[in-house]
Amino acid sequence: MSNEQTYSIRVMTENDYDEVYALWMSIHGFGIRSLDDSREGVGRFIRRNPTTSVVALVGERIVGAILCGHDGRRGCFYHVCVHEDFRKRGIGKAMALVCMRALQEEKINKVNLVAFKKNEVGNHFWREAGWCFREDLNYFDFPLNEANMTRFNQ
């Protein structure tokens, strides 16, 4: 593949799921969750955020994706990825910018993301792109299942 090959970016749809999932699975060290990242989970996310998630294509092939949504106050990027054969071509930044513009259209003024500590490529990318690494926060999550919720309520 030539570095001169052009790409396009468009809004992600539920019909993109199989190809996006295959992209996720092709990336070394990529972490997904069985429920949230299932066809049903991603479909629910896209229906709630119909204009903010994107895919990058070379020809008809999806080579990049960002799940992007917001809660009415703050945007968040999930599963930002570019196929390893297509990195260093500006695709990641271009997708991120399209998502940021879509968030601005919805009056969202700040976006965040979570990157695994072991994701050296991703962490380097975001820092080099000018994103602020927050050391003043702790990130907590709590899986909403019956056992956890019962234990929490005790």
N, C-alpha and C. Protein backbone atom coordinates (compact mmCIF):
# COMPACT_ATOMS: atom_id res chain seq x y z
N MET A 1 0.83 -1.18 0.00
CA MET A 1 0.00 0.00 0.00
C MET A 1 0.87 1.25 0.00
N SER A 2 0.53 2.15 -0.80
CA SER A 2 1.25 3.42 -0.89
C SER A 2 0.79 4.36 0.21
N ASN A 3 1.72 5.16 0.72
CA ASN A 3 1.36 6.19 1.69
C ASN A 3 0.52 7.29 1.05
N GLU A 4 0.49 7.32 -0.28
CA GLU A 4 -0.27 8.34 -1.00
C GLU A 4 -1.75 7.99 -1.10
N GLN A 5 -2.11 6.77 -0.73
CA GLN A 5 -3.51 6.33 -0.86
C GLN A 5 -4.40 7.23 0.00
N THR A 6 -5.51 7.66 -0.57
CA THR A 6 -6.38 8.57 0.14
C THR A 6 -7.39 7.79 0.99
N TYR A 7 -7.92 8.50 1.94
CA TYR A 7 -8.94 7.93 2.83
C TYR A 7 -10.09 8.90 2.92
N SER A 8 -11.21 8.39 3.38
CA SER A 8 -12.37 9.23 3.64
C SER A 8 -12.89 8.91 5.03
N ILE A 9 -13.64 9.83 5.58
CA ILE A 9 -14.21 9.66 6.92
C ILE A 9 -15.70 9.91 6.82
N ARG A 10 -16.46 9.06 7.47
CA ARG A 10 -17.91 9.25 7.50
C ARG A 10 -18.44 8.81 8.85
N VAL A 11 -19.69 9.17 9.11
CA VAL A 11 -20.36 8.78 10.35
C VAL A 11 -20.51 7.26 10.39
N MET A 12 -20.24 6.68 11.54
CA MET A 12 -20.40 5.24 11.74
C MET A 12 -21.88 4.90 11.86
N THR A 13 -22.26 3.78 11.28
CA THR A 13 -23.63 3.28 11.41
C THR A 13 -23.61 1.90 12.05
N GLU A 14 -24.76 1.46 12.47
CA GLU A 14 -24.87 0.11 13.04
C GLU A 14 -24.43 -0.95 12.04
N ASN A 15 -24.60 -0.70 10.75
CA ASN A 15 -24.21 -1.66 9.72
C ASN A 15 -22.70 -1.85 9.63
N ASP A 16 -21.94 -0.96 10.23
CA ASP A 16 -20.48 -1.07 10.21
C ASP A 16 -19.94 -2.02 11.27
N TYR A 17 -20.81 -2.52 12.14
CA TYR A 17 -20.36 -3.26 13.31
C TYR A 17 -19.39 -4.41 12.98
N ASP A 18 -19.73 -5.27 12.05
CA ASP A 18 -18.88 -6.44 11.79
C ASP A 18 -17.48 -6.03 11.38
N GLU A 19 -17.37 -5.04 10.52
CA GLU A 19 -16.05 -4.62 10.06
C GLU A 19 -15.28 -3.87 11.15
N VAL A 20 -15.98 -3.06 11.93
CA VAL A 20 -15.32 -2.35 13.04
C VAL A 20 -14.86 -3.36 14.09
N TYR A 21 -15.69 -4.33 14.41
CA TYR A 21 -15.31 -5.36 15.37
C TYR A 21 -14.07 -6.12 14.88
N ALA A 22 -14.04 -6.47 13.60
CA ALA A 22 -12.87 -7.16 13.04
C ALA A 22 -11.63 -6.27 13.15
N LEU A 23 -11.78 -4.96 12.95
CA LEU A 23 -10.67 -4.03 13.12
C LEU A 23 -10.18 -4.06 14.57
N TRP A 24 -11.11 -3.96 15.52
CA TRP A 24 -10.73 -4.01 16.93
C TRP A 24 -9.93 -5.27 17.23
N MET A 25 -10.38 -6.40 16.71
CA MET A 25 -9.73 -7.68 16.99
C MET A 25 -8.36 -7.79 16.33
N SER A 26 -8.11 -6.98 15.31
CA SER A 26 -6.82 -7.05 14.61
C SER A 26 -5.73 -6.26 15.31
N ILE A 27 -6.09 -5.45 16.28
CA ILE A 27 -5.13 -4.55 16.91
C ILE A 27 -4.59 -5.17 18.19
N HIS A 28 -3.28 -5.31 18.24
CA HIS A 28 -2.60 -5.91 19.38
C HIS A 28 -2.88 -5.12 20.66
N GLY A 29 -3.32 -5.82 21.70
CA GLY A 29 -3.54 -5.20 23.00
C GLY A 29 -4.83 -4.43 23.14
N PHE A 30 -5.69 -4.52 22.17
CA PHE A 30 -6.95 -3.77 22.21
C PHE A 30 -7.90 -4.45 23.19
N GLY A 31 -8.53 -3.70 24.06
CA GLY A 31 -9.44 -4.28 25.05
C GLY A 31 -10.88 -3.90 24.79
N ILE A 32 -11.74 -4.89 24.74
CA ILE A 32 -13.17 -4.61 24.58
C ILE A 32 -13.93 -5.35 25.67
N ARG A 33 -15.16 -4.94 25.88
CA ARG A 33 -16.03 -5.55 26.89
C ARG A 33 -17.14 -6.31 26.17
N SER A 34 -17.42 -7.49 26.66
CA SER A 34 -18.37 -8.35 25.95
C SER A 34 -19.76 -7.74 25.84
N LEU A 35 -20.25 -7.06 26.86
CA LEU A 35 -21.60 -6.48 26.79
C LEU A 35 -21.62 -5.15 26.06
N ASP A 36 -20.79 -4.22 26.49
CA ASP A 36 -20.81 -2.88 25.89
C ASP A 36 -20.40 -2.90 24.43
N ASP A 37 -19.51 -3.81 24.07
CA ASP A 37 -18.98 -3.83 22.72
C ASP A 37 -19.61 -4.91 21.84
N SER A 38 -20.70 -5.48 22.33
CA SER A 38 -21.46 -6.42 21.53
C SER A 38 -22.19 -5.65 20.44
N ARG A 39 -22.75 -6.36 19.47
CA ARG A 39 -23.54 -5.72 18.41
C ARG A 39 -24.66 -4.88 19.05
N GLU A 40 -25.32 -5.44 20.05
CA GLU A 40 -26.43 -4.73 20.70
C GLU A 40 -25.92 -3.50 21.45
N GLY A 41 -24.80 -3.64 22.16
CA GLY A 41 -24.26 -2.52 22.93
C GLY A 41 -23.80 -1.38 22.04
N VAL A 42 -23.09 -1.70 20.98
CA VAL A 42 -22.62 -0.66 20.05
C VAL A 42 -23.81 -0.03 19.33
N GLY A 43 -24.79 -0.85 18.95
CA GLY A 43 -25.99 -0.31 18.31
C GLY A 43 -26.70 0.68 19.21
N ARG A 44 -26.84 0.35 20.47
CA ARG A 44 -27.48 1.24 21.44
C ARG A 44 -26.70 2.55 21.55
N PHE A 45 -25.38 2.45 21.59
CA PHE A 45 -24.52 3.64 21.68
C PHE A 45 -24.70 4.53 20.45
N ILE A 46 -24.68 3.92 19.27
CA ILE A 46 -24.82 4.70 18.03
C ILE A 46 -26.21 5.33 17.93
N ARG A 47 -27.23 4.62 18.36
CA ARG A 47 -28.58 5.22 18.32
C ARG A 47 -28.68 6.40 19.27
N ARG A 48 -27.99 6.34 20.41
CA ARG A 48 -28.00 7.44 21.37
C ARG A 48 -27.14 8.61 20.88
N ASN A 49 -26.10 8.31 20.10
CA ASN A 49 -25.16 9.31 19.58
C ASN A 49 -25.05 9.14 18.06
N PRO A 50 -26.08 9.48 17.32
CA PRO A 50 -26.13 9.12 15.90
C PRO A 50 -25.19 9.89 14.98
N THR A 51 -24.62 10.99 15.42
CA THR A 51 -23.81 11.82 14.52
C THR A 51 -22.35 11.95 14.92
N THR A 52 -21.94 11.34 16.02
CA THR A 52 -20.63 11.66 16.57
C THR A 52 -19.56 10.57 16.41
N SER A 53 -19.92 9.35 16.12
CA SER A 53 -18.95 8.27 15.91
C SER A 53 -18.59 8.21 14.43
N VAL A 54 -17.33 7.84 14.14
CA VAL A 54 -16.89 7.84 12.75
C VAL A 54 -16.09 6.60 12.40
N VAL A 55 -15.99 6.36 11.10
CA VAL A 55 -15.08 5.36 10.55
C VAL A 55 -14.25 6.04 9.45
N ALA A 56 -13.03 5.54 9.28
CA ALA A 56 -12.17 5.98 8.19
C ALA A 56 -12.08 4.83 7.20
N LEU A 57 -12.16 5.17 5.93
CA LEU A 57 -12.13 4.16 4.88
C LEU A 57 -11.02 4.44 3.88
N VAL A 58 -10.40 3.37 3.43
CA VAL A 58 -9.54 3.40 2.26
C VAL A 58 -10.28 2.54 1.24
N GLY A 59 -10.76 3.17 0.21
CA GLY A 59 -11.68 2.48 -0.69
C GLY A 59 -12.94 2.15 0.09
N GLU A 60 -13.32 0.90 0.09
CA GLU A 60 -14.50 0.44 0.83
C GLU A 60 -14.12 -0.18 2.18
N ARG A 61 -12.83 -0.27 2.48
CA ARG A 61 -12.35 -0.95 3.69
C ARG A 61 -12.28 0.01 4.87
N ILE A 62 -12.86 -0.36 6.00
CA ILE A 62 -12.75 0.43 7.22
C ILE A 62 -11.37 0.18 7.82
N VAL A 63 -10.60 1.26 7.97
CA VAL A 63 -9.24 1.16 8.52
C VAL A 63 -9.09 1.93 9.83
N GLY A 64 -10.14 2.61 10.26
CA GLY A 64 -10.09 3.35 11.51
C GLY A 64 -11.49 3.57 12.04
N ALA A 65 -11.57 3.79 13.34
CA ALA A 65 -12.89 4.01 13.96
C ALA A 65 -12.73 4.74 15.29
N ILE A 66 -13.74 5.52 15.60
CA ILE A 66 -13.87 6.13 16.93
C ILE A 66 -15.34 6.05 17.32
N LEU A 67 -15.60 5.43 18.47
CA LEU A 67 -16.91 5.56 19.10
C LEU A 67 -16.85 6.86 19.89
N CYS A 68 -17.74 7.77 19.62
CA CYS A 68 -17.74 9.07 20.28
C CYS A 68 -19.16 9.41 20.69
N GLY A 69 -19.32 9.83 21.92
CA GLY A 69 -20.62 10.21 22.40
C GLY A 69 -20.50 11.26 23.49
N HIS A 70 -21.64 11.63 24.02
CA HIS A 70 -21.64 12.62 25.11
C HIS A 70 -22.85 12.41 26.01
N ASP A 71 -22.77 13.02 27.17
CA ASP A 71 -23.84 12.92 28.15
C ASP A 71 -24.60 14.24 28.29
N GLY A 72 -24.39 15.15 27.34
CA GLY A 72 -25.01 16.47 27.41
C GLY A 72 -24.08 17.50 28.00
N ARG A 73 -22.99 17.07 28.59
CA ARG A 73 -22.04 17.98 29.22
C ARG A 73 -20.63 17.79 28.68
N ARG A 74 -20.21 16.53 28.59
CA ARG A 74 -18.84 16.22 28.20
C ARG A 74 -18.85 15.09 27.18
N GLY A 75 -17.99 15.22 26.17
CA GLY A 75 -17.85 14.16 25.19
C GLY A 75 -16.81 13.15 25.63
N CYS A 76 -16.86 11.98 25.02
CA CYS A 76 -15.87 10.96 25.32
C CYS A 76 -15.58 10.14 24.06
N PHE A 77 -14.31 9.87 23.85
CA PHE A 77 -13.88 8.98 22.78
C PHE A 77 -13.68 7.60 23.37
N TYR A 78 -14.18 6.60 22.67
CA TYR A 78 -13.98 5.20 23.04
C TYR A 78 -13.41 4.46 21.83
N HIS A 79 -12.53 3.54 22.09
CA HIS A 79 -12.03 2.63 21.06
C HIS A 79 -11.51 3.36 19.83
N VAL A 80 -10.66 4.34 20.06
CA VAL A 80 -10.01 5.03 18.96
C VAL A 80 -8.96 4.10 18.36
N CYS A 81 -9.07 3.82 17.08
CA CYS A 81 -8.08 2.90 16.50
C CYS A 81 -7.91 3.15 15.02
N VAL A 82 -6.70 2.88 14.57
CA VAL A 82 -6.36 2.87 13.15
C VAL A 82 -5.60 1.58 12.90
N HIS A 83 -5.97 0.88 11.86
CA HIS A 83 -5.29 -0.37 11.52
C HIS A 83 -3.79 -0.10 11.41
N GLU A 84 -3.01 -1.03 11.92
CA GLU A 84 -1.56 -0.84 11.99
C GLU A 84 -0.94 -0.54 10.63
N ASP A 85 -1.49 -1.05 9.54
CA ASP A 85 -0.94 -0.80 8.21
C ASP A 85 -1.22 0.61 7.69
N PHE A 86 -2.07 1.36 8.40
CA PHE A 86 -2.48 2.67 7.91
C PHE A 86 -2.15 3.80 8.88
N ARG A 87 -1.31 3.53 9.85
CA ARG A 87 -0.93 4.56 10.82
C ARG A 87 0.08 5.52 10.23
N LYS A 88 0.25 6.65 10.91
CA LYS A 88 1.20 7.70 10.52
C LYS A 88 0.82 8.37 9.19
N ARG A 89 -0.47 8.43 8.91
CA ARG A 89 -0.96 9.07 7.69
C ARG A 89 -1.95 10.19 8.00
N GLY A 90 -2.14 10.50 9.30
CA GLY A 90 -3.07 11.56 9.68
C GLY A 90 -4.50 11.09 9.86
N ILE A 91 -4.75 9.79 9.74
CA ILE A 91 -6.11 9.28 9.83
C ILE A 91 -6.67 9.46 11.24
N GLY A 92 -5.90 9.13 12.26
CA GLY A 92 -6.37 9.26 13.64
C GLY A 92 -6.74 10.69 13.98
N LYS A 93 -5.87 11.62 13.65
CA LYS A 93 -6.15 13.03 13.92
C LYS A 93 -7.36 13.51 13.14
N ALA A 94 -7.46 13.09 11.88
CA ALA A 94 -8.59 13.53 11.07
C ALA A 94 -9.91 13.00 11.64
N MET A 95 -9.93 11.73 12.07
CA MET A 95 -11.14 11.19 12.68
C MET A 95 -11.48 11.94 13.96
N ALA A 96 -10.47 12.19 14.79
CA ALA A 96 -10.70 12.89 16.05
C ALA A 96 -11.28 14.28 15.79
N LEU A 97 -10.77 14.97 14.78
CA LEU A 97 -11.26 16.31 14.47
C LEU A 97 -12.72 16.27 14.00
N VAL A 98 -13.07 15.29 13.19
CA VAL A 98 -14.47 15.15 12.76
C VAL A 98 -15.37 14.93 13.98
N CYS A 99 -14.93 14.08 14.90
CA CYS A 99 -15.71 13.83 16.12
C CYS A 99 -15.83 15.10 16.96
N MET A 100 -14.73 15.84 17.09
CA MET A 100 -14.76 17.08 17.88
C MET A 100 -15.73 18.09 17.27
N ARG A 101 -15.72 18.20 15.96
CA ARG A 101 -16.65 19.13 15.29
C ARG A 101 -18.10 18.68 15.52
N ALA A 102 -18.34 17.38 15.47
CA ALA A 102 -19.70 16.87 15.71
C ALA A 102 -20.13 17.17 17.14
N LEU A 103 -19.21 17.05 18.10
CA LEU A 103 -19.53 17.39 19.49
C LEU A 103 -19.83 18.88 19.62
N GLN A 104 -19.04 19.71 18.97
CA GLN A 104 -19.30 21.15 19.01
C GLN A 104 -20.67 21.49 18.45
N GLU A 105 -21.07 20.81 17.40
CA GLU A 105 -22.41 21.02 16.82
C GLU A 105 -23.50 20.75 17.85
N GLU A 106 -23.21 19.86 18.79
CA GLU A 106 -24.18 19.52 19.83
C GLU A 106 -23.92 20.31 21.12
N LYS A 107 -23.14 21.39 21.00
CA LYS A 107 -22.86 22.32 22.10
C LYS A 107 -22.06 21.68 23.23
N ILE A 108 -21.22 20.71 22.90
CA ILE A 108 -20.32 20.08 23.86
C ILE A 108 -18.97 20.78 23.75
N ASN A 109 -18.40 21.19 24.90
CA ASN A 109 -17.20 22.02 24.90
C ASN A 109 -15.93 21.33 25.38
N LYS A 110 -16.02 20.06 25.76
CA LYS A 110 -14.83 19.36 26.24
C LYS A 110 -15.00 17.88 25.94
N VAL A 111 -13.89 17.24 25.62
CA VAL A 111 -13.93 15.80 25.33
C VAL A 111 -12.80 15.12 26.10
N ASN A 112 -13.05 13.90 26.53
CA ASN A 112 -12.01 13.14 27.21
C ASN A 112 -11.94 11.74 26.62
N LEU A 113 -10.93 11.01 27.07
CA LEU A 113 -10.80 9.62 26.67
C LEU A 113 -10.01 8.90 27.76
N VAL A 114 -10.11 7.59 27.73
CA VAL A 114 -9.34 6.74 28.62
C VAL A 114 -8.42 5.90 27.75
N ALA A 115 -7.14 5.88 28.08
CA ALA A 115 -6.18 5.04 27.37
C ALA A 115 -5.51 4.12 28.39
N PHE A 116 -5.42 2.86 28.07
CA PHE A 116 -4.74 1.93 28.96
C PHE A 116 -3.29 2.35 29.15
N LYS A 117 -2.78 2.20 30.36
CA LYS A 117 -1.39 2.57 30.65
C LYS A 117 -0.41 1.83 29.74
N LYS A 118 -0.72 0.59 29.39
CA LYS A 118 0.17 -0.21 28.55
C LYS A 118 0.10 0.18 27.08
N ASN A 119 -0.83 1.04 26.71
CA ASN A 119 -0.99 1.44 25.31
C ASN A 119 0.00 2.56 24.99
N GLU A 120 1.25 2.19 24.81
CA GLU A 120 2.30 3.17 24.57
C GLU A 120 2.06 3.98 23.30
N VAL A 121 1.63 3.32 22.24
CA VAL A 121 1.39 4.02 20.97
C VAL A 121 0.28 5.06 21.16
N GLY A 122 -0.84 4.66 21.75
CA GLY A 122 -1.94 5.57 21.96
C GLY A 122 -1.60 6.72 22.89
N ASN A 123 -0.95 6.41 24.00
CA ASN A 123 -0.58 7.45 24.95
C ASN A 123 0.37 8.46 24.32
N HIS A 124 1.32 7.99 23.55
CA HIS A 124 2.24 8.90 22.85
C HIS A 124 1.47 9.77 21.86
N PHE A 125 0.56 9.15 21.10
CA PHE A 125 -0.24 9.88 20.12
C PHE A 125 -0.99 11.04 20.78
N TRP A 126 -1.71 10.76 21.87
CA TRP A 126 -2.55 11.79 22.49
C TRP A 126 -1.70 12.90 23.10
N ARG A 127 -0.60 12.54 23.73
CA ARG A 127 0.27 13.58 24.30
C ARG A 127 0.86 14.46 23.22
N GLU A 128 1.36 13.83 22.14
CA GLU A 128 1.93 14.60 21.04
C GLU A 128 0.89 15.49 20.36
N ALA A 129 -0.36 15.08 20.39
CA ALA A 129 -1.44 15.86 19.77
C ALA A 129 -1.92 16.99 20.68
N GLY A 130 -1.35 17.11 21.88
CA GLY A 130 -1.68 18.23 22.75
C GLY A 130 -2.75 17.96 23.79
N TRP A 131 -3.15 16.69 23.94
CA TRP A 131 -4.14 16.37 24.97
C TRP A 131 -3.46 16.39 26.33
N CYS A 132 -4.17 16.82 27.35
CA CYS A 132 -3.63 16.93 28.70
C CYS A 132 -3.78 15.60 29.44
N PHE A 133 -2.67 15.14 29.98
CA PHE A 133 -2.70 13.96 30.83
C PHE A 133 -3.05 14.42 32.24
N ARG A 134 -4.13 13.89 32.80
CA ARG A 134 -4.60 14.32 34.11
C ARG A 134 -3.99 13.45 35.20
N GLU A 135 -3.29 14.07 36.10
CA GLU A 135 -2.74 13.34 37.24
C GLU A 135 -3.51 13.67 38.52
N ASP A 136 -4.50 14.55 38.42
CA ASP A 136 -5.24 14.97 39.59
C ASP A 136 -6.53 14.18 39.79
N LEU A 137 -6.76 13.16 38.96
CA LEU A 137 -8.00 12.39 39.04
C LEU A 137 -7.70 10.91 39.27
N ASN A 138 -8.63 10.25 39.87
CA ASN A 138 -8.66 8.80 39.89
C ASN A 138 -9.89 8.38 39.10
N TYR A 139 -9.72 7.39 38.27
CA TYR A 139 -10.82 6.89 37.46
C TYR A 139 -11.36 5.63 38.12
N PHE A 140 -12.65 5.61 38.39
CA PHE A 140 -13.30 4.45 38.99
C PHE A 140 -14.36 3.93 38.04
N ASP A 141 -14.54 2.63 38.01
CA ASP A 141 -15.71 2.11 37.32
C ASP A 141 -16.33 1.01 38.17
N PHE A 142 -17.58 0.73 37.90
CA PHE A 142 -18.34 -0.22 38.71
C PHE A 142 -19.26 -1.00 37.79
N PRO A 143 -18.92 -2.25 37.49
CA PRO A 143 -19.81 -3.06 36.63
C PRO A 143 -21.19 -3.24 37.27
N LEU A 144 -22.22 -2.90 36.51
CA LEU A 144 -23.59 -2.97 37.01
C LEU A 144 -24.14 -4.38 36.80
N ASN A 145 -23.79 -5.25 37.72
CA ASN A 145 -24.39 -6.59 37.73
C ASN A 145 -24.98 -6.82 39.11
N GLU A 146 -25.84 -7.79 39.22
CA GLU A 146 -26.59 -8.00 40.45
C GLU A 146 -25.70 -8.26 41.65
N ALA A 147 -24.65 -9.06 41.48
CA ALA A 147 -23.76 -9.36 42.60
C ALA A 147 -23.08 -8.11 43.12
N ASN A 148 -22.57 -7.27 42.23
CA ASN A 148 -21.92 -6.02 42.65
C ASN A 148 -22.90 -5.07 43.31
N MET A 149 -24.09 -4.97 42.75
CA MET A 149 -25.06 -4.03 43.29
C MET A 149 -25.58 -4.51 44.65
N THR A 150 -25.75 -5.80 44.82
CA THR A 150 -26.17 -6.34 46.12
C THR A 150 -25.08 -6.08 47.17
N ARG A 151 -23.83 -6.36 46.80
CA ARG A 151 -22.71 -6.14 47.72
C ARG A 151 -22.58 -4.66 48.07
N PHE A 152 -22.78 -3.77 47.12
CA PHE A 152 -22.70 -2.33 47.33
C PHE A 152 -23.76 -1.87 48.33
N ASN A 153 -24.94 -2.48 48.26
CA ASN A 153 -26.07 -2.08 49.07
C ASN A 153 -26.02 -2.68 50.49
N GLN A 154 -25.07 -3.52 50.77
CA GLN A 154 -25.02 -4.17 52.10
C GLN A 154 -24.39 -3.26 53.13
